[in-house]
Amino acid sequence: MSPESTGQNEHHLTVLRRGFRTWRGNRPFWAGLFTIVGGVPIAYFPYADLHLGNMTLAMSTTAGAGSLIIGILLMTLGLTMWFHHIVRVFAGVAAILLALISIPVANIGGFLIGFLFAMLGGALSISWAPGEPKADEDLFHKGAPQEHPGTEPSEDVFHGAAVPQQQPAGYDTTVEADGGGHRAG
């Protein structure tokens, strides 16, 4: 093994972290996470019991099934944003609508916690756009200075020979007698 080969010396956690970073960067990760986190309190609070000493406080409502459905749909939409990011706009709009519906149905949208997370996740999903891939440069011109018409002759990148610049069709290279200046008329 040579000292130049560093790929095999990396720790497996570093490789997993870099792989996760790449996966996360290719999809609306935070939108999906916020939508999933928003669905949890909406689905949980109607079925939760809070015990304060000997007293039990039940937060269940008559629309407990509606709360459960809204919460599960929000969690499903969050996973959809992660794994099918092509439909991210639909998932974002649906998450916003479900968050708004959760206000009257699910204990004020999971005591506003689930509502705010679901709204933020839906908005992030709608606004997310995939990045532009970097354009591959031509190997011949890679590293060569950019040249413009009418400049001095440049040297070929590989051979070092002087190459005159070719002018575009219809480009006038003649110079007038007064140096191209304009005369006051």
N, C-alpha and C. Protein backbone atom coordinates (compact mmCIF):
# COMPACT_ATOMS: atom_id res chain seq x y z
N MET A 1 0.85 -1.17 0.00
CA MET A 1 0.00 0.00 0.00
C MET A 1 0.89 1.24 0.00
N SER A 2 0.59 2.18 -0.87
CA SER A 2 1.42 3.37 -1.00
C SER A 2 0.84 4.52 -0.18
N PRO A 3 1.67 5.49 0.16
CA PRO A 3 1.16 6.62 0.94
C PRO A 3 0.23 7.53 0.14
N GLU A 4 0.21 7.40 -1.19
CA GLU A 4 -0.66 8.23 -2.00
C GLU A 4 -2.11 7.76 -1.95
N SER A 5 -2.35 6.49 -1.67
CA SER A 5 -3.72 5.97 -1.66
C SER A 5 -4.34 6.20 -0.28
N THR A 6 -5.16 7.25 -0.21
CA THR A 6 -5.79 7.60 1.08
C THR A 6 -7.20 7.07 1.18
N GLY A 7 -7.76 6.54 0.11
CA GLY A 7 -9.15 6.09 0.12
C GLY A 7 -9.39 4.93 1.06
N GLN A 8 -8.44 4.04 1.24
CA GLN A 8 -8.66 2.88 2.07
C GLN A 8 -8.40 3.16 3.55
N ASN A 9 -7.79 4.28 3.85
CA ASN A 9 -7.48 4.59 5.24
C ASN A 9 -8.60 5.35 5.93
N GLU A 10 -9.67 5.69 5.22
CA GLU A 10 -10.75 6.46 5.83
C GLU A 10 -11.59 5.57 6.74
N HIS A 11 -12.05 6.15 7.79
CA HIS A 11 -12.89 5.44 8.74
C HIS A 11 -14.28 5.27 8.13
N HIS A 12 -14.95 4.18 8.44
CA HIS A 12 -16.25 3.90 7.83
C HIS A 12 -17.31 4.92 8.23
N LEU A 13 -17.18 5.54 9.40
CA LEU A 13 -18.14 6.58 9.78
C LEU A 13 -17.97 7.83 8.92
N THR A 14 -16.74 8.13 8.53
CA THR A 14 -16.50 9.26 7.64
C THR A 14 -17.12 9.00 6.28
N VAL A 15 -16.99 7.78 5.81
CA VAL A 15 -17.57 7.43 4.52
C VAL A 15 -19.10 7.51 4.59
N LEU A 16 -19.69 7.02 5.66
CA LEU A 16 -21.14 7.10 5.83
C LEU A 16 -21.63 8.54 5.94
N ARG A 17 -20.88 9.36 6.66
CA ARG A 17 -21.25 10.77 6.81
C ARG A 17 -21.21 11.49 5.47
N ARG A 18 -20.17 11.22 4.67
CA ARG A 18 -20.09 11.85 3.35
C ARG A 18 -21.18 11.35 2.42
N GLY A 19 -21.51 10.07 2.50
CA GLY A 19 -22.59 9.54 1.70
C GLY A 19 -23.93 10.15 2.07
N PHE A 20 -24.16 10.31 3.38
CA PHE A 20 -25.40 10.94 3.84
C PHE A 20 -25.46 12.39 3.41
N ARG A 21 -24.34 13.09 3.45
CA ARG A 21 -24.31 14.49 3.03
C ARG A 21 -24.65 14.62 1.55
N THR A 22 -24.15 13.70 0.74
CA THR A 22 -24.47 13.71 -0.68
C THR A 22 -25.94 13.41 -0.91
N TRP A 23 -26.46 12.39 -0.20
CA TRP A 23 -27.88 12.04 -0.32
C TRP A 23 -28.75 13.21 0.11
N ARG A 24 -28.40 13.85 1.21
CA ARG A 24 -29.18 14.96 1.75
C ARG A 24 -29.17 16.16 0.81
N GLY A 25 -28.07 16.38 0.12
CA GLY A 25 -27.96 17.54 -0.76
C GLY A 25 -28.74 17.41 -2.05
N ASN A 26 -29.18 16.21 -2.40
CA ASN A 26 -29.88 15.99 -3.67
C ASN A 26 -31.40 15.98 -3.52
N ARG A 27 -31.91 16.38 -2.40
CA ARG A 27 -33.36 16.34 -2.16
C ARG A 27 -33.72 17.38 -1.09
N PRO A 28 -35.00 17.72 -0.96
CA PRO A 28 -35.40 18.70 0.07
C PRO A 28 -35.41 18.04 1.45
N PHE A 29 -34.23 17.82 2.01
CA PHE A 29 -34.11 17.07 3.26
C PHE A 29 -34.79 17.77 4.42
N TRP A 30 -34.49 19.05 4.61
CA TRP A 30 -35.04 19.76 5.77
C TRP A 30 -36.54 19.93 5.65
N ALA A 31 -37.05 20.08 4.44
CA ALA A 31 -38.50 20.17 4.25
C ALA A 31 -39.17 18.87 4.70
N GLY A 32 -38.61 17.74 4.31
CA GLY A 32 -39.17 16.46 4.72
C GLY A 32 -39.07 16.24 6.22
N LEU A 33 -37.94 16.63 6.80
CA LEU A 33 -37.76 16.45 8.24
C LEU A 33 -38.75 17.30 9.03
N PHE A 34 -38.92 18.57 8.65
CA PHE A 34 -39.86 19.44 9.36
C PHE A 34 -41.30 18.95 9.19
N THR A 35 -41.62 18.41 8.02
CA THR A 35 -42.98 17.91 7.81
C THR A 35 -43.24 16.67 8.66
N ILE A 36 -42.25 15.78 8.75
CA ILE A 36 -42.39 14.58 9.60
C ILE A 36 -42.52 14.99 11.07
N VAL A 37 -41.67 15.90 11.50
CA VAL A 37 -41.71 16.37 12.89
C VAL A 37 -43.04 17.08 13.17
N GLY A 38 -43.61 17.77 12.18
CA GLY A 38 -44.91 18.41 12.35
C GLY A 38 -46.04 17.42 12.46
N GLY A 39 -45.92 16.27 11.80
CA GLY A 39 -46.98 15.28 11.85
C GLY A 39 -47.03 14.52 13.17
N VAL A 40 -45.91 14.43 13.87
CA VAL A 40 -45.87 13.65 15.12
C VAL A 40 -46.76 14.26 16.21
N PRO A 41 -46.66 15.53 16.57
CA PRO A 41 -47.54 16.04 17.64
C PRO A 41 -49.00 16.10 17.23
N ILE A 42 -49.27 16.29 15.94
CA ILE A 42 -50.66 16.32 15.50
C ILE A 42 -51.30 14.95 15.71
N ALA A 43 -50.55 13.89 15.42
CA ALA A 43 -51.10 12.54 15.59
C ALA A 43 -51.03 12.08 17.04
N TYR A 44 -50.09 12.57 17.82
CA TYR A 44 -49.86 12.05 19.17
C TYR A 44 -50.77 12.68 20.23
N PHE A 45 -50.91 13.99 20.23
CA PHE A 45 -51.60 14.68 21.33
C PHE A 45 -53.05 14.24 21.55
N PRO A 46 -53.85 13.96 20.52
CA PRO A 46 -55.22 13.52 20.82
C PRO A 46 -55.29 12.18 21.55
N TYR A 47 -54.25 11.39 21.51
CA TYR A 47 -54.25 10.09 22.17
C TYR A 47 -53.38 10.06 23.42
N ALA A 48 -52.79 11.18 23.79
CA ALA A 48 -51.87 11.23 24.93
C ALA A 48 -52.63 11.55 26.22
N ASP A 49 -52.16 10.99 27.30
CA ASP A 49 -52.68 11.29 28.64
C ASP A 49 -51.53 11.85 29.46
N LEU A 50 -51.78 12.96 30.10
CA LEU A 50 -50.78 13.60 30.94
C LEU A 50 -51.11 13.29 32.39
N HIS A 51 -50.18 12.68 33.12
CA HIS A 51 -50.40 12.30 34.51
C HIS A 51 -49.74 13.33 35.42
N LEU A 52 -50.54 14.00 36.22
CA LEU A 52 -50.07 14.96 37.20
C LEU A 52 -50.43 14.43 38.58
N GLY A 53 -49.54 13.66 39.16
CA GLY A 53 -49.82 13.03 40.46
C GLY A 53 -50.89 11.97 40.28
N ASN A 54 -52.03 12.13 41.00
CA ASN A 54 -53.15 11.20 40.89
C ASN A 54 -54.15 11.63 39.83
N MET A 55 -53.93 12.79 39.24
CA MET A 55 -54.86 13.31 38.26
C MET A 55 -54.37 12.99 36.84
N THR A 56 -55.27 12.54 35.99
CA THR A 56 -54.95 12.25 34.59
C THR A 56 -55.66 13.27 33.72
N LEU A 57 -54.91 13.93 32.86
CA LEU A 57 -55.45 14.92 31.95
C LEU A 57 -55.45 14.32 30.55
N ALA A 58 -56.62 14.11 29.99
CA ALA A 58 -56.75 13.55 28.64
C ALA A 58 -57.01 14.67 27.65
N MET A 59 -56.25 14.71 26.59
CA MET A 59 -56.39 15.75 25.57
C MET A 59 -57.13 15.25 24.35
N SER A 60 -57.80 14.14 24.45
CA SER A 60 -58.48 13.56 23.30
C SER A 60 -59.72 14.37 22.94
N THR A 61 -60.00 14.39 21.67
CA THR A 61 -61.17 15.10 21.16
C THR A 61 -62.05 14.12 20.40
N THR A 62 -63.19 14.59 19.95
CA THR A 62 -64.06 13.73 19.15
C THR A 62 -63.48 13.47 17.77
N ALA A 63 -62.55 14.29 17.34
CA ALA A 63 -61.93 14.13 16.02
C ALA A 63 -60.57 13.45 16.14
N GLY A 64 -60.44 12.50 17.05
CA GLY A 64 -59.15 11.82 17.22
C GLY A 64 -58.71 11.07 15.99
N ALA A 65 -59.67 10.46 15.28
CA ALA A 65 -59.32 9.74 14.05
C ALA A 65 -58.85 10.71 12.98
N GLY A 66 -59.47 11.87 12.90
CA GLY A 66 -59.03 12.89 11.94
C GLY A 66 -57.62 13.37 12.23
N SER A 67 -57.30 13.52 13.51
CA SER A 67 -55.95 13.93 13.90
C SER A 67 -54.93 12.87 13.52
N LEU A 68 -55.28 11.63 13.75
CA LEU A 68 -54.38 10.53 13.41
C LEU A 68 -54.14 10.48 11.90
N ILE A 69 -55.19 10.64 11.13
CA ILE A 69 -55.05 10.62 9.67
C ILE A 69 -54.20 11.79 9.18
N ILE A 70 -54.43 12.98 9.70
CA ILE A 70 -53.65 14.15 9.29
C ILE A 70 -52.18 13.96 9.66
N GLY A 71 -51.92 13.48 10.87
CA GLY A 71 -50.54 13.27 11.30
C GLY A 71 -49.82 12.24 10.45
N ILE A 72 -50.49 11.13 10.16
CA ILE A 72 -49.86 10.08 9.34
C ILE A 72 -49.65 10.57 7.91
N LEU A 73 -50.61 11.32 7.38
CA LEU A 73 -50.42 11.87 6.03
C LEU A 73 -49.25 12.85 5.98
N LEU A 74 -49.09 13.66 7.01
CA LEU A 74 -47.95 14.59 7.04
C LEU A 74 -46.63 13.83 7.11
N MET A 75 -46.58 12.77 7.90
CA MET A 75 -45.35 11.97 7.96
C MET A 75 -45.08 11.29 6.61
N THR A 76 -46.13 10.83 5.95
CA THR A 76 -45.97 10.22 4.63
C THR A 76 -45.51 11.24 3.60
N LEU A 77 -46.04 12.44 3.66
CA LEU A 77 -45.60 13.49 2.75
C LEU A 77 -44.14 13.87 2.99
N GLY A 78 -43.71 13.86 4.24
CA GLY A 78 -42.30 14.13 4.54
C GLY A 78 -41.39 13.07 3.93
N LEU A 79 -41.79 11.81 4.04
CA LEU A 79 -41.00 10.74 3.40
C LEU A 79 -41.05 10.84 1.89
N THR A 80 -42.19 11.29 1.34
CA THR A 80 -42.29 11.48 -0.10
C THR A 80 -41.33 12.57 -0.57
N MET A 81 -41.19 13.62 0.21
CA MET A 81 -40.24 14.68 -0.15
C MET A 81 -38.82 14.14 -0.20
N TRP A 82 -38.50 13.19 0.66
CA TRP A 82 -37.16 12.62 0.67
C TRP A 82 -36.91 11.66 -0.49
N PHE A 83 -37.85 10.76 -0.71
CA PHE A 83 -37.58 9.67 -1.64
C PHE A 83 -38.17 9.85 -3.03
N HIS A 84 -39.09 10.78 -3.21
CA HIS A 84 -39.65 11.10 -4.53
C HIS A 84 -39.69 12.61 -4.67
N HIS A 85 -38.52 13.22 -4.72
CA HIS A 85 -38.45 14.67 -4.71
C HIS A 85 -38.96 15.30 -6.01
N ILE A 86 -39.34 14.50 -6.99
CA ILE A 86 -39.93 15.04 -8.21
C ILE A 86 -41.29 15.67 -7.90
N VAL A 87 -42.02 15.12 -6.94
CA VAL A 87 -43.36 15.62 -6.60
C VAL A 87 -43.30 16.53 -5.38
N ARG A 88 -42.20 17.22 -5.20
CA ARG A 88 -42.00 18.05 -4.00
C ARG A 88 -42.99 19.20 -3.93
N VAL A 89 -43.39 19.77 -5.07
CA VAL A 89 -44.33 20.89 -5.04
C VAL A 89 -45.70 20.40 -4.59
N PHE A 90 -46.16 19.28 -5.13
CA PHE A 90 -47.43 18.71 -4.69
C PHE A 90 -47.38 18.37 -3.20
N ALA A 91 -46.29 17.74 -2.76
CA ALA A 91 -46.18 17.36 -1.35
C ALA A 91 -46.14 18.59 -0.46
N GLY A 92 -45.50 19.66 -0.90
CA GLY A 92 -45.46 20.89 -0.11
C GLY A 92 -46.82 21.55 0.01
N VAL A 93 -47.56 21.61 -1.10
CA VAL A 93 -48.90 22.19 -1.06
C VAL A 93 -49.82 21.35 -0.18
N ALA A 94 -49.72 20.02 -0.33
CA ALA A 94 -50.56 19.14 0.50
C ALA A 94 -50.21 19.27 1.98
N ALA A 95 -48.92 19.43 2.30
CA ALA A 95 -48.52 19.59 3.70
C ALA A 95 -49.06 20.90 4.28
N ILE A 96 -49.04 21.96 3.50
CA ILE A 96 -49.57 23.24 3.97
C ILE A 96 -51.09 23.13 4.19
N LEU A 97 -51.80 22.50 3.26
CA LEU A 97 -53.24 22.34 3.42
C LEU A 97 -53.59 21.48 4.63
N LEU A 98 -52.85 20.39 4.83
CA LEU A 98 -53.11 19.54 5.99
C LEU A 98 -52.78 20.27 7.30
N ALA A 99 -51.74 21.10 7.27
CA ALA A 99 -51.41 21.88 8.47
C ALA A 99 -52.53 22.86 8.80
N LEU A 100 -53.09 23.49 7.77
CA LEU A 100 -54.21 24.41 8.01
C LEU A 100 -55.45 23.69 8.50
N ILE A 101 -55.70 22.50 7.96
CA ILE A 101 -56.86 21.72 8.40
C ILE A 101 -56.67 21.23 9.84
N SER A 102 -55.43 21.03 10.25
CA SER A 102 -55.18 20.51 11.59
C SER A 102 -55.52 21.52 12.69
N ILE A 103 -55.67 22.78 12.37
CA ILE A 103 -56.00 23.78 13.40
C ILE A 103 -57.37 23.50 14.02
N PRO A 104 -58.45 23.34 13.25
CA PRO A 104 -59.72 23.04 13.91
C PRO A 104 -59.90 21.57 14.28
N VAL A 105 -59.17 20.68 13.63
CA VAL A 105 -59.40 19.25 13.82
C VAL A 105 -58.55 18.67 14.94
N ALA A 106 -57.29 19.04 15.03
CA ALA A 106 -56.33 18.33 15.90
C ALA A 106 -55.76 19.22 16.99
N ASN A 107 -56.58 19.62 17.95
CA ASN A 107 -56.10 20.38 19.11
C ASN A 107 -55.23 21.57 18.70
N ILE A 108 -55.80 22.43 17.92
CA ILE A 108 -55.12 23.63 17.43
C ILE A 108 -53.79 23.25 16.74
N GLY A 109 -53.86 22.27 15.90
CA GLY A 109 -52.69 21.87 15.12
C GLY A 109 -51.59 21.29 15.98
N GLY A 110 -51.93 20.44 16.93
CA GLY A 110 -50.91 19.88 17.82
C GLY A 110 -50.32 20.95 18.71
N PHE A 111 -51.22 21.79 19.27
CA PHE A 111 -50.83 22.93 20.11
C PHE A 111 -49.84 23.84 19.40
N LEU A 112 -50.10 24.10 18.14
CA LEU A 112 -49.34 24.98 17.25
C LEU A 112 -47.93 24.45 16.94
N ILE A 113 -47.46 23.46 17.64
CA ILE A 113 -46.13 22.92 17.37
C ILE A 113 -46.13 22.19 16.03
N GLY A 114 -47.05 21.26 15.87
CA GLY A 114 -47.14 20.52 14.62
C GLY A 114 -47.53 21.40 13.46
N PHE A 115 -48.43 22.35 13.73
CA PHE A 115 -48.85 23.28 12.67
C PHE A 115 -47.67 24.06 12.11
N LEU A 116 -46.86 24.64 12.99
CA LEU A 116 -45.73 25.46 12.53
C LEU A 116 -44.68 24.64 11.80
N PHE A 117 -44.36 23.45 12.32
CA PHE A 117 -43.38 22.60 11.64
C PHE A 117 -43.89 22.15 10.27
N ALA A 118 -45.17 21.77 10.19
CA ALA A 118 -45.73 21.32 8.91
C ALA A 118 -45.79 22.47 7.90
N MET A 119 -46.14 23.67 8.34
CA MET A 119 -46.16 24.83 7.44
C MET A 119 -44.76 25.15 6.93
N LEU A 120 -43.78 25.12 7.83
CA LEU A 120 -42.40 25.40 7.43
C LEU A 120 -41.90 24.32 6.47
N GLY A 121 -42.18 23.06 6.75
CA GLY A 121 -41.76 21.98 5.85
C GLY A 121 -42.40 22.08 4.49
N GLY A 122 -43.70 22.41 4.44
CA GLY A 122 -44.38 22.58 3.15
C GLY A 122 -43.82 23.74 2.36
N ALA A 123 -43.54 24.85 3.02
CA ALA A 123 -42.98 26.01 2.33
C ALA A 123 -41.57 25.72 1.82
N LEU A 124 -40.76 25.03 2.61
CA LEU A 124 -39.42 24.67 2.16
C LEU A 124 -39.47 23.70 0.98
N SER A 125 -40.44 22.81 0.98
CA SER A 125 -40.56 21.85 -0.11
C SER A 125 -40.95 22.55 -1.41
N ILE A 126 -41.85 23.51 -1.33
CA ILE A 126 -42.25 24.24 -2.53
C ILE A 126 -41.10 25.07 -3.08
N SER A 127 -40.32 25.67 -2.20
CA SER A 127 -39.27 26.58 -2.65
C SER A 127 -37.96 25.88 -3.03
N TRP A 128 -37.81 24.60 -2.71
CA TRP A 128 -36.57 23.89 -3.00
C TRP A 128 -36.46 23.64 -4.50
N ALA A 129 -35.25 23.81 -5.03
CA ALA A 129 -34.98 23.51 -6.44
C ALA A 129 -33.66 22.76 -6.51
N PRO A 130 -33.57 21.77 -7.37
CA PRO A 130 -32.31 21.03 -7.48
C PRO A 130 -31.22 21.93 -8.03
N GLY A 131 -29.98 21.67 -7.59
CA GLY A 131 -28.85 22.46 -8.06
C GLY A 131 -28.48 22.13 -9.49
N GLU A 132 -27.81 23.07 -10.13
CA GLU A 132 -27.35 22.87 -11.50
C GLU A 132 -26.06 22.07 -11.47
N PRO A 133 -25.95 21.02 -12.30
CA PRO A 133 -24.69 20.28 -12.35
C PRO A 133 -23.61 21.13 -12.98
N LYS A 134 -22.39 20.93 -12.54
CA LYS A 134 -21.27 21.69 -13.08
C LYS A 134 -20.99 21.22 -14.51
N ALA A 135 -20.76 22.18 -15.40
CA ALA A 135 -20.50 21.85 -16.80
C ALA A 135 -19.07 21.34 -16.94
N ASP A 136 -18.91 20.30 -17.72
CA ASP A 136 -17.57 19.77 -17.99
C ASP A 136 -16.88 20.67 -19.01
N GLU A 137 -15.66 21.02 -18.73
CA GLU A 137 -14.91 21.88 -19.63
C GLU A 137 -14.22 21.03 -20.70
N ASP A 138 -13.98 21.65 -21.83
CA ASP A 138 -13.27 20.98 -22.90
C ASP A 138 -11.83 20.76 -22.44
N LEU A 139 -11.32 19.55 -22.62
CA LEU A 139 -9.97 19.23 -22.15
C LEU A 139 -8.90 20.06 -22.84
N PHE A 140 -9.12 20.42 -24.10
CA PHE A 140 -8.12 21.20 -24.83
C PHE A 140 -7.98 22.60 -24.25
N HIS A 141 -9.10 23.21 -23.89
CA HIS A 141 -9.08 24.59 -23.40
C HIS A 141 -9.00 24.69 -21.89
N LYS A 142 -8.92 23.58 -21.21
CA LYS A 142 -8.87 23.61 -19.75
C LYS A 142 -7.57 24.27 -19.31
N GLY A 143 -7.69 25.29 -18.54
CA GLY A 143 -6.52 25.99 -18.03
C GLY A 143 -5.98 27.05 -18.97
N ALA A 144 -6.49 27.13 -20.18
CA ALA A 144 -6.03 28.14 -21.13
C ALA A 144 -6.73 29.45 -20.85
N PRO A 145 -6.04 30.57 -21.04
CA PRO A 145 -6.68 31.86 -20.82
C PRO A 145 -7.77 32.10 -21.86
N GLN A 146 -8.80 32.81 -21.47
CA GLN A 146 -9.89 33.12 -22.39
C GLN A 146 -9.41 34.18 -23.36
N GLU A 147 -9.69 33.98 -24.64
CA GLU A 147 -9.25 34.91 -25.67
C GLU A 147 -10.46 35.53 -26.34
N HIS A 148 -10.31 36.78 -26.75
CA HIS A 148 -11.39 37.50 -27.37
C HIS A 148 -10.97 37.90 -28.78
N PRO A 149 -11.91 38.08 -29.70
CA PRO A 149 -11.55 38.48 -31.06
C PRO A 149 -10.83 39.80 -31.07
N GLY A 150 -9.82 39.90 -31.93
CA GLY A 150 -9.06 41.13 -32.07
C GLY A 150 -7.91 41.27 -31.10
N THR A 151 -7.60 40.27 -30.32
CA THR A 151 -6.49 40.35 -29.38
C THR A 151 -5.23 39.84 -30.05
N GLU A 152 -4.16 39.94 -29.34
CA GLU A 152 -2.87 39.49 -29.85
C GLU A 152 -2.89 37.98 -30.06
N PRO A 153 -2.03 37.48 -30.97
CA PRO A 153 -1.96 36.03 -31.15
C PRO A 153 -1.53 35.34 -29.86
N SER A 154 -2.09 34.15 -29.66
CA SER A 154 -1.76 33.41 -28.45
C SER A 154 -0.99 32.15 -28.83
N GLU A 155 -0.51 31.47 -27.82
CA GLU A 155 0.22 30.25 -28.06
C GLU A 155 -0.68 29.05 -27.84
N ASP A 156 -0.46 28.01 -28.60
CA ASP A 156 -1.21 26.77 -28.44
C ASP A 156 -0.86 26.18 -27.08
N VAL A 157 -1.85 25.59 -26.41
CA VAL A 157 -1.65 25.08 -25.07
C VAL A 157 -0.65 23.93 -25.06
N PHE A 158 -0.70 23.05 -26.06
CA PHE A 158 0.12 21.86 -26.03
C PHE A 158 1.46 22.01 -26.75
N HIS A 159 1.51 22.79 -27.83
CA HIS A 159 2.71 22.80 -28.65
C HIS A 159 3.57 24.04 -28.47
N GLY A 160 3.04 25.09 -27.88
CA GLY A 160 3.82 26.29 -27.66
C GLY A 160 4.02 27.11 -28.92
N ALA A 161 3.38 26.76 -30.03
CA ALA A 161 3.52 27.50 -31.28
C ALA A 161 2.55 28.67 -31.29
N ALA A 162 2.94 29.74 -31.95
CA ALA A 162 2.07 30.90 -32.06
C ALA A 162 0.95 30.59 -33.04
N VAL A 163 -0.27 30.85 -32.63
CA VAL A 163 -1.44 30.60 -33.47
C VAL A 163 -2.17 31.93 -33.62
N PRO A 164 -2.33 32.41 -34.85
CA PRO A 164 -3.07 33.67 -35.02
C PRO A 164 -4.55 33.44 -34.72
N GLN A 165 -5.16 34.49 -34.20
CA GLN A 165 -6.59 34.41 -33.88
C GLN A 165 -7.40 34.48 -35.16
N GLN A 166 -8.42 33.65 -35.25
CA GLN A 166 -9.32 33.71 -36.39
C GLN A 166 -10.47 34.64 -36.03
N GLN A 167 -10.79 35.53 -36.96
CA GLN A 167 -11.86 36.49 -36.72
C GLN A 167 -13.19 35.88 -37.17
N PRO A 168 -14.28 36.21 -36.50
CA PRO A 168 -15.57 35.72 -36.94
C PRO A 168 -15.94 36.26 -38.31
N ALA A 169 -16.82 35.58 -38.99
CA ALA A 169 -17.23 36.00 -40.33
C ALA A 169 -17.85 37.39 -40.26
N GLY A 170 -17.48 38.26 -41.21
CA GLY A 170 -18.03 39.61 -41.25
C GLY A 170 -17.35 40.57 -40.30
N TYR A 171 -16.25 40.21 -39.70
CA TYR A 171 -15.54 41.07 -38.75
C TYR A 171 -14.54 41.90 -39.55
N ASP A 172 -14.66 43.21 -39.48
CA ASP A 172 -13.81 44.11 -40.26
C ASP A 172 -12.54 44.39 -39.48
N THR A 173 -11.38 44.05 -40.08
CA THR A 173 -10.10 44.26 -39.41
C THR A 173 -9.34 45.45 -39.97
N THR A 174 -9.92 46.17 -40.94
CA THR A 174 -9.21 47.31 -41.52
C THR A 174 -9.29 48.50 -40.58
N VAL A 175 -8.25 49.31 -40.60
CA VAL A 175 -8.19 50.49 -39.74
C VAL A 175 -8.21 51.70 -40.64
N GLU A 176 -9.03 52.66 -40.29
CA GLU A 176 -9.11 53.88 -41.09
C GLU A 176 -7.86 54.72 -40.90
N ALA A 177 -7.67 55.68 -41.78
CA ALA A 177 -6.45 56.50 -41.77
C ALA A 177 -6.34 57.33 -40.51
N ASP A 178 -7.44 57.74 -39.91
CA ASP A 178 -7.35 58.57 -38.71
C ASP A 178 -7.34 57.72 -37.45
N GLY A 179 -7.10 56.43 -37.57
CA GLY A 179 -7.02 55.56 -36.39
C GLY A 179 -8.36 55.10 -35.88
N GLY A 180 -9.40 55.26 -36.69
CA GLY A 180 -10.72 54.81 -36.27
C GLY A 180 -11.48 55.82 -35.47
N GLY A 181 -10.92 57.03 -35.34
CA GLY A 181 -11.61 58.08 -34.58
C GLY A 181 -12.76 58.65 -35.38
N HIS A 182 -13.65 59.34 -34.72
CA HIS A 182 -14.80 59.93 -35.39
C HIS A 182 -14.53 61.40 -35.63
N ARG A 183 -14.95 61.85 -36.79
CA ARG A 183 -14.74 63.24 -37.13
C ARG A 183 -15.97 64.06 -36.77
N ALA A 184 -15.70 65.23 -36.26
CA ALA A 184 -16.82 66.14 -35.95
C ALA A 184 -17.37 66.66 -37.25
N GLY A 185 -18.65 66.63 -37.40
CA GLY A 185 -19.19 66.94 -38.70
C GLY A 185 -19.97 68.13 -38.74
